[in-house]
Amino acid sequence: MRDIILNALLLGLLVALAYAGYDLYRIWRHKKTHPGVPYVHNMKAYKALNIYLIICGVTALYFRLS
């Protein structure tokens, strides 16, 4: 059971990193096509990622200490 949960956490972390890379690509593309116009981030997605990473950290700490 621990292996399944740890693999799910690693997969979720990979998805979070992939989304961060995609967001950096969107910023780069926006600056190239609309110079001088500020890019507005999707803060809803970042809040969800922050909550997910906090849950991952707490779960990993729990498994480390148990």
PDB file of N, CA and C in Angstrom:
ATOM      1  N   MET A   1       0.823  -1.199   0.000  1.00  0.00           N
ATOM      2  CA  MET A   1       0.000   0.000   0.000  1.00  0.00           C
ATOM      3  C   MET A   1       0.866   1.262   0.000  1.00  0.00           C
ATOM      4  N   ARG A   2       1.955   1.215   0.787  1.00  0.00           N
ATOM      5  CA  ARG A   2       2.840   2.383   0.829  1.00  0.00           C
ATOM      6  C   ARG A   2       3.446   2.667  -0.532  1.00  0.00           C
ATOM      7  N   ASP A   3       3.803   1.604  -1.262  1.00  0.00           N
ATOM      8  CA  ASP A   3       4.410   1.799  -2.578  1.00  0.00           C
ATOM      9  C   ASP A   3       3.438   2.462  -3.543  1.00  0.00           C
ATOM     10  N   ILE A   4       2.173   2.067  -3.480  1.00  0.00           N
ATOM     11  CA  ILE A   4       1.171   2.655  -4.368  1.00  0.00           C
ATOM     12  C   ILE A   4       1.005   4.139  -4.063  1.00  0.00           C
ATOM     13  N   ILE A   5       0.933   4.490  -2.784  1.00  0.00           N
ATOM     14  CA  ILE A   5       0.753   5.891  -2.410  1.00  0.00           C
ATOM     15  C   ILE A   5       1.984   6.707  -2.785  1.00  0.00           C
ATOM     16  N   LEU A   6       3.177   6.162  -2.543  1.00  0.00           N
ATOM     17  CA  LEU A   6       4.393   6.891  -2.898  1.00  0.00           C
ATOM     18  C   LEU A   6       4.514   7.079  -4.405  1.00  0.00           C
ATOM     19  N   ASN A   7       4.137   6.060  -5.178  1.00  0.00           N
ATOM     20  CA  ASN A   7       4.160   6.202  -6.636  1.00  0.00           C
ATOM     21  C   ASN A   7       3.142   7.235  -7.098  1.00  0.00           C
ATOM     22  N   ALA A   8       1.981   7.276  -6.462  1.00  0.00           N
ATOM     23  CA  ALA A   8       0.981   8.282  -6.812  1.00  0.00           C
ATOM     24  C   ALA A   8       1.486   9.685  -6.482  1.00  0.00           C
ATOM     25  N   LEU A   9       2.175   9.827  -5.354  1.00  0.00           N
ATOM     26  CA  LEU A   9       2.739  11.128  -4.999  1.00  0.00           C
ATOM     27  C   LEU A   9       3.811  11.556  -5.995  1.00  0.00           C
ATOM     28  N   LEU A  10       4.657  10.615  -6.405  1.00  0.00           N
ATOM     29  CA  LEU A  10       5.689  10.949  -7.392  1.00  0.00           C
ATOM     30  C   LEU A  10       5.072  11.314  -8.737  1.00  0.00           C
ATOM     31  N   LEU A  11       4.023  10.611  -9.124  1.00  0.00           N
ATOM     32  CA  LEU A  11       3.342  10.936 -10.373  1.00  0.00           C
ATOM     33  C   LEU A  11       2.710  12.323 -10.292  1.00  0.00           C
ATOM     34  N   GLY A  12       2.106  12.636  -9.156  1.00  0.00           N
ATOM     35  CA  GLY A  12       1.526  13.965  -8.980  1.00  0.00           C
ATOM     36  C   GLY A  12       2.574  15.053  -9.015  1.00  0.00           C
ATOM     37  N   LEU A  13       3.743  14.788  -8.423  1.00  0.00           N
ATOM     38  CA  LEU A  13       4.832  15.758  -8.462  1.00  0.00           C
ATOM     39  C   LEU A  13       5.321  15.954  -9.889  1.00  0.00           C
ATOM     40  N   LEU A  14       5.379  14.889 -10.667  1.00  0.00           N
ATOM     41  CA  LEU A  14       5.765  14.990 -12.067  1.00  0.00           C
ATOM     42  C   LEU A  14       4.759  15.829 -12.848  1.00  0.00           C
ATOM     43  N   VAL A  15       3.479  15.644 -12.577  1.00  0.00           N
ATOM     44  CA  VAL A  15       2.443  16.448 -13.235  1.00  0.00           C
ATOM     45  C   VAL A  15       2.590  17.919 -12.850  1.00  0.00           C
ATOM     46  N   ALA A  16       2.880  18.193 -11.572  1.00  0.00           N
ATOM     47  CA  ALA A  16       3.058  19.575 -11.121  1.00  0.00           C
ATOM     48  C   ALA A  16       4.251  20.221 -11.816  1.00  0.00           C
ATOM     49  N   LEU A  17       5.347  19.486 -11.946  1.00  0.00           N
ATOM     50  CA  LEU A  17       6.519  20.027 -12.636  1.00  0.00           C
ATOM     51  C   LEU A  17       6.244  20.234 -14.124  1.00  0.00           C
ATOM     52  N   ALA A  18       5.492  19.329 -14.724  1.00  0.00           N
ATOM     53  CA  ALA A  18       5.137  19.485 -16.134  1.00  0.00           C
ATOM     54  C   ALA A  18       4.263  20.719 -16.333  1.00  0.00           C
ATOM     55  N   TYR A  19       3.332  20.962 -15.419  1.00  0.00           N
ATOM     56  CA  TYR A  19       2.491  22.150 -15.533  1.00  0.00           C
ATOM     57  C   TYR A  19       3.323  23.417 -15.360  1.00  0.00           C
ATOM     58  N   ALA A  20       4.280  23.393 -14.436  1.00  0.00           N
ATOM     59  CA  ALA A  20       5.144  24.563 -14.244  1.00  0.00           C
ATOM     60  C   ALA A  20       5.953  24.842 -15.512  1.00  0.00           C
ATOM     61  N   GLY A  21       6.458  23.792 -16.148  1.00  0.00           N
ATOM     62  CA  GLY A  21       7.175  23.967 -17.411  1.00  0.00           C
ATOM     63  C   GLY A  21       6.277  24.512 -18.503  1.00  0.00           C
ATOM     64  N   TYR A  22       5.057  24.020 -18.575  1.00  0.00           N
ATOM     65  CA  TYR A  22       4.108  24.517 -19.567  1.00  0.00           C
ATOM     66  C   TYR A  22       3.770  25.977 -19.311  1.00  0.00           C
ATOM     67  N   ASP A  23       3.648  26.364 -18.038  1.00  0.00           N
ATOM     68  CA  ASP A  23       3.349  27.756 -17.720  1.00  0.00           C
ATOM     69  C   ASP A  23       4.518  28.662 -18.109  1.00  0.00           C
ATOM     70  N   LEU A  24       5.754  28.193 -17.898  1.00  0.00           N
ATOM     71  CA  LEU A  24       6.909  28.975 -18.350  1.00  0.00           C
ATOM     72  C   LEU A  24       6.894  29.138 -19.868  1.00  0.00           C
ATOM     73  N   TYR A  25       6.494  28.094 -20.580  1.00  0.00           N
ATOM     74  CA  TYR A  25       6.365  28.190 -22.034  1.00  0.00           C
ATOM     75  C   TYR A  25       5.297  29.207 -22.419  1.00  0.00           C
ATOM     76  N   ARG A  26       4.169  29.228 -21.701  1.00  0.00           N
ATOM     77  CA  ARG A  26       3.117  30.203 -22.000  1.00  0.00           C
ATOM     78  C   ARG A  26       3.598  31.627 -21.762  1.00  0.00           C
ATOM     79  N   ILE A  27       4.380  31.839 -20.693  1.00  0.00           N
ATOM     80  CA  ILE A  27       4.928  33.173 -20.427  1.00  0.00           C
ATOM     81  C   ILE A  27       5.852  33.587 -21.566  1.00  0.00           C
ATOM     82  N   TRP A  28       6.725  32.683 -21.986  1.00  0.00           N
ATOM     83  CA  TRP A  28       7.653  32.981 -23.076  1.00  0.00           C
ATOM     84  C   TRP A  28       6.896  33.293 -24.367  1.00  0.00           C
ATOM     85  N   ARG A  29       5.878  32.489 -24.678  1.00  0.00           N
ATOM     86  CA  ARG A  29       5.090  32.698 -25.893  1.00  0.00           C
ATOM     87  C   ARG A  29       4.334  34.018 -25.838  1.00  0.00           C
ATOM     88  N   HIS A  30       3.806  34.364 -24.650  1.00  0.00           N
ATOM     89  CA  HIS A  30       3.068  35.616 -24.504  1.00  0.00           C
ATOM     90  C   HIS A  30       3.998  36.815 -24.687  1.00  0.00           C
ATOM     91  N   LYS A  31       5.196  36.738 -24.114  1.00  0.00           N
ATOM     92  CA  LYS A  31       6.144  37.849 -24.261  1.00  0.00           C
ATOM     93  C   LYS A  31       6.592  38.007 -25.705  1.00  0.00           C
ATOM     94  N   LYS A  32       6.666  36.914 -26.435  1.00  0.00           N
ATOM     95  CA  LYS A  32       7.093  36.977 -27.827  1.00  0.00           C
ATOM     96  C   LYS A  32       5.998  37.559 -28.723  1.00  0.00           C
ATOM     97  N   THR A  33       4.750  37.202 -28.463  1.00  0.00           N
ATOM     98  CA  THR A  33       3.661  37.656 -29.332  1.00  0.00           C
ATOM     99  C   THR A  33       3.039  38.972 -28.882  1.00  0.00           C
ATOM    100  N   HIS A  34       3.107  39.285 -27.576  1.00  0.00           N
ATOM    101  CA  HIS A  34       2.521  40.528 -27.055  1.00  0.00           C
ATOM    102  C   HIS A  34       3.550  41.275 -26.208  1.00  0.00           C
ATOM    103  N   PRO A  35       4.576  41.851 -26.839  1.00  0.00           N
ATOM    104  CA  PRO A  35       5.583  42.547 -26.031  1.00  0.00           C
ATOM    105  C   PRO A  35       4.990  43.778 -25.353  1.00  0.00           C
ATOM    106  N   GLY A  36       5.365  43.991 -24.107  1.00  0.00           N
ATOM    107  CA  GLY A  36       4.884  45.152 -23.368  1.00  0.00           C
ATOM    108  C   GLY A  36       3.592  44.920 -22.614  1.00  0.00           C
ATOM    109  N   VAL A  37       2.891  43.828 -22.887  1.00  0.00           N
ATOM    110  CA  VAL A  37       1.640  43.525 -22.186  1.00  0.00           C
ATOM    111  C   VAL A  37       1.958  42.518 -21.084  1.00  0.00           C
ATOM    112  N   PRO A  38       1.633  42.831 -19.834  1.00  0.00           N
ATOM    113  CA  PRO A  38       1.968  41.888 -18.753  1.00  0.00           C
ATOM    114  C   PRO A  38       1.154  40.601 -18.856  1.00  0.00           C
ATOM    115  N   TYR A  39       1.787  39.512 -18.471  1.00  0.00           N
ATOM    116  CA  TYR A  39       1.136  38.202 -18.488  1.00  0.00           C
ATOM    117  C   TYR A  39       0.436  37.976 -17.156  1.00  0.00           C
ATOM    118  N   VAL A  40      -0.824  37.583 -17.195  1.00  0.00           N
ATOM    119  CA  VAL A  40      -1.595  37.316 -15.983  1.00  0.00           C
ATOM    120  C   VAL A  40      -1.593  35.807 -15.748  1.00  0.00           C
ATOM    121  N   HIS A  41      -1.069  35.393 -14.600  1.00  0.00           N
ATOM    122  CA  HIS A  41      -0.989  33.970 -14.280  1.00  0.00           C
ATOM    123  C   HIS A  41      -2.355  33.426 -13.887  1.00  0.00           C
ATOM    124  N   ASN A  42      -2.497  32.131 -14.040  1.00  0.00           N
ATOM    125  CA  ASN A  42      -3.695  31.439 -13.591  1.00  0.00           C
ATOM    126  C   ASN A  42      -3.484  31.067 -12.123  1.00  0.00           C
ATOM    127  N   MET A  43      -3.856  31.968 -11.218  1.00  0.00           N
ATOM    128  CA  MET A  43      -3.575  31.773  -9.795  1.00  0.00           C
ATOM    129  C   MET A  43      -4.382  30.621  -9.199  1.00  0.00           C
ATOM    130  N   LYS A  44      -5.520  30.301  -9.799  1.00  0.00           N
ATOM    131  CA  LYS A  44      -6.327  29.193  -9.291  1.00  0.00           C
ATOM    132  C   LYS A  44      -5.549  27.876  -9.407  1.00  0.00           C
ATOM    133  N   ALA A  45      -4.880  27.695 -10.521  1.00  0.00           N
ATOM    134  CA  ALA A  45      -4.086  26.477 -10.714  1.00  0.00           C
ATOM    135  C   ALA A  45      -2.900  26.447  -9.759  1.00  0.00           C
ATOM    136  N   TYR A  46      -2.271  27.600  -9.531  1.00  0.00           N
ATOM    137  CA  TYR A  46      -1.129  27.630  -8.614  1.00  0.00           C
ATOM    138  C   TYR A  46      -1.555  27.348  -7.181  1.00  0.00           C
ATOM    139  N   LYS A  47      -2.720  27.829  -6.777  1.00  0.00           N
ATOM    140  CA  LYS A  47      -3.208  27.534  -5.427  1.00  0.00           C
ATOM    141  C   LYS A  47      -3.481  26.039  -5.275  1.00  0.00           C
ATOM    142  N   ALA A  48      -4.061  25.430  -6.303  1.00  0.00           N
ATOM    143  CA  ALA A  48      -4.317  23.989  -6.257  1.00  0.00           C
ATOM    144  C   ALA A  48      -3.002  23.208  -6.196  1.00  0.00           C
ATOM    145  N   LEU A  49      -1.992  23.645  -6.965  1.00  0.00           N
ATOM    146  CA  LEU A  49      -0.696  22.975  -6.924  1.00  0.00           C
ATOM    147  C   LEU A  49      -0.032  23.131  -5.566  1.00  0.00           C
ATOM    148  N   ASN A  50      -0.145  24.308  -4.959  1.00  0.00           N
ATOM    149  CA  ASN A  50       0.438  24.514  -3.631  1.00  0.00           C
ATOM    150  C   ASN A  50      -0.209  23.604  -2.601  1.00  0.00           C
ATOM    151  N   ILE A  51      -1.518  23.498  -2.641  1.00  0.00           N
ATOM    152  CA  ILE A  51      -2.218  22.618  -1.698  1.00  0.00           C
ATOM    153  C   ILE A  51      -1.797  21.170  -1.922  1.00  0.00           C
ATOM    154  N   TYR A  52      -1.694  20.760  -3.182  1.00  0.00           N
ATOM    155  CA  TYR A  52      -1.287  19.388  -3.487  1.00  0.00           C
ATOM    156  C   TYR A  52       0.129  19.108  -2.985  1.00  0.00           C
ATOM    157  N   LEU A  53       1.057  20.048  -3.205  1.00  0.00           N
ATOM    158  CA  LEU A  53       2.433  19.834  -2.762  1.00  0.00           C
ATOM    159  C   LEU A  53       2.536  19.808  -1.244  1.00  0.00           C
ATOM    160  N   ILE A  54       1.708  20.577  -0.551  1.00  0.00           N
ATOM    161  CA  ILE A  54       1.688  20.519   0.913  1.00  0.00           C
ATOM    162  C   ILE A  54       1.199  19.146   1.373  1.00  0.00           C
ATOM    163  N   ILE A  55       0.147  18.636   0.736  1.00  0.00           N
ATOM    164  CA  ILE A  55      -0.359  17.300   1.078  1.00  0.00           C
ATOM    165  C   ILE A  55       0.712  16.242   0.810  1.00  0.00           C
ATOM    166  N   CYS A  56       1.429  16.369  -0.321  1.00  0.00           N
ATOM    167  CA  CYS A  56       2.514  15.426  -0.632  1.00  0.00           C
ATOM    168  C   CYS A  56       3.601  15.478   0.430  1.00  0.00           C
ATOM    169  N   GLY A  57       3.977  16.675   0.845  1.00  0.00           N
ATOM    170  CA  GLY A  57       5.021  16.819   1.852  1.00  0.00           C
ATOM    171  C   GLY A  57       4.623  16.231   3.187  1.00  0.00           C
ATOM    172  N   VAL A  58       3.398  16.480   3.616  1.00  0.00           N
ATOM    173  CA  VAL A  58       2.925  15.944   4.896  1.00  0.00           C
ATOM    174  C   VAL A  58       2.848  14.421   4.837  1.00  0.00           C
ATOM    175  N   THR A  59       2.368  13.882   3.726  1.00  0.00           N
ATOM    176  CA  THR A  59       2.274  12.427   3.591  1.00  0.00           C
ATOM    177  C   THR A  59       3.664  11.788   3.570  1.00  0.00           C
ATOM    178  N   ALA A  60       4.593  12.400   2.837  1.00  0.00           N
ATOM    179  CA  ALA A  60       5.955  11.862   2.787  1.00  0.00           C
ATOM    180  C   ALA A  60       6.606  11.927   4.167  1.00  0.00           C
ATOM    181  N   LEU A  61       6.376  13.005   4.904  1.00  0.00           N
ATOM    182  CA  LEU A  61       6.930  13.127   6.253  1.00  0.00           C
ATOM    183  C   LEU A  61       6.325  12.080   7.182  1.00  0.00           C
ATOM    184  N   TYR A  62       5.036  11.827   7.033  1.00  0.00           N
ATOM    185  CA  TYR A  62       4.374  10.800   7.844  1.00  0.00           C
ATOM    186  C   TYR A  62       4.990   9.427   7.584  1.00  0.00           C
ATOM    187  N   PHE A  63       5.187   9.092   6.293  1.00  0.00           N
ATOM    188  CA  PHE A  63       5.773   7.795   5.968  1.00  0.00           C
ATOM    189  C   PHE A  63       7.225   7.711   6.412  1.00  0.00           C
ATOM    190  N   ARG A  64       7.928   8.816   6.367  1.00  0.00           N
ATOM    191  CA  ARG A  64       9.338   8.826   6.787  1.00  0.00           C
ATOM    192  C   ARG A  64       9.463   8.578   8.290  1.00  0.00           C
ATOM    193  N   LEU A  65       8.554   9.153   9.068  1.00  0.00           N
ATOM    194  CA  LEU A  65       8.642   9.042  10.517  1.00  0.00           C
ATOM    195  C   LEU A  65       7.976   7.786  11.068  1.00  0.00           C
ATOM    196  N   SER A  66       7.145   7.120  10.271  1.00  0.00           N
ATOM    197  CA  SER A  66       6.455   5.929  10.797  1.00  0.00           C
ATOM    198  C   SER A  66       7.229   4.654  10.527  1.00  0.00           C
TER     199      SER A  66
END
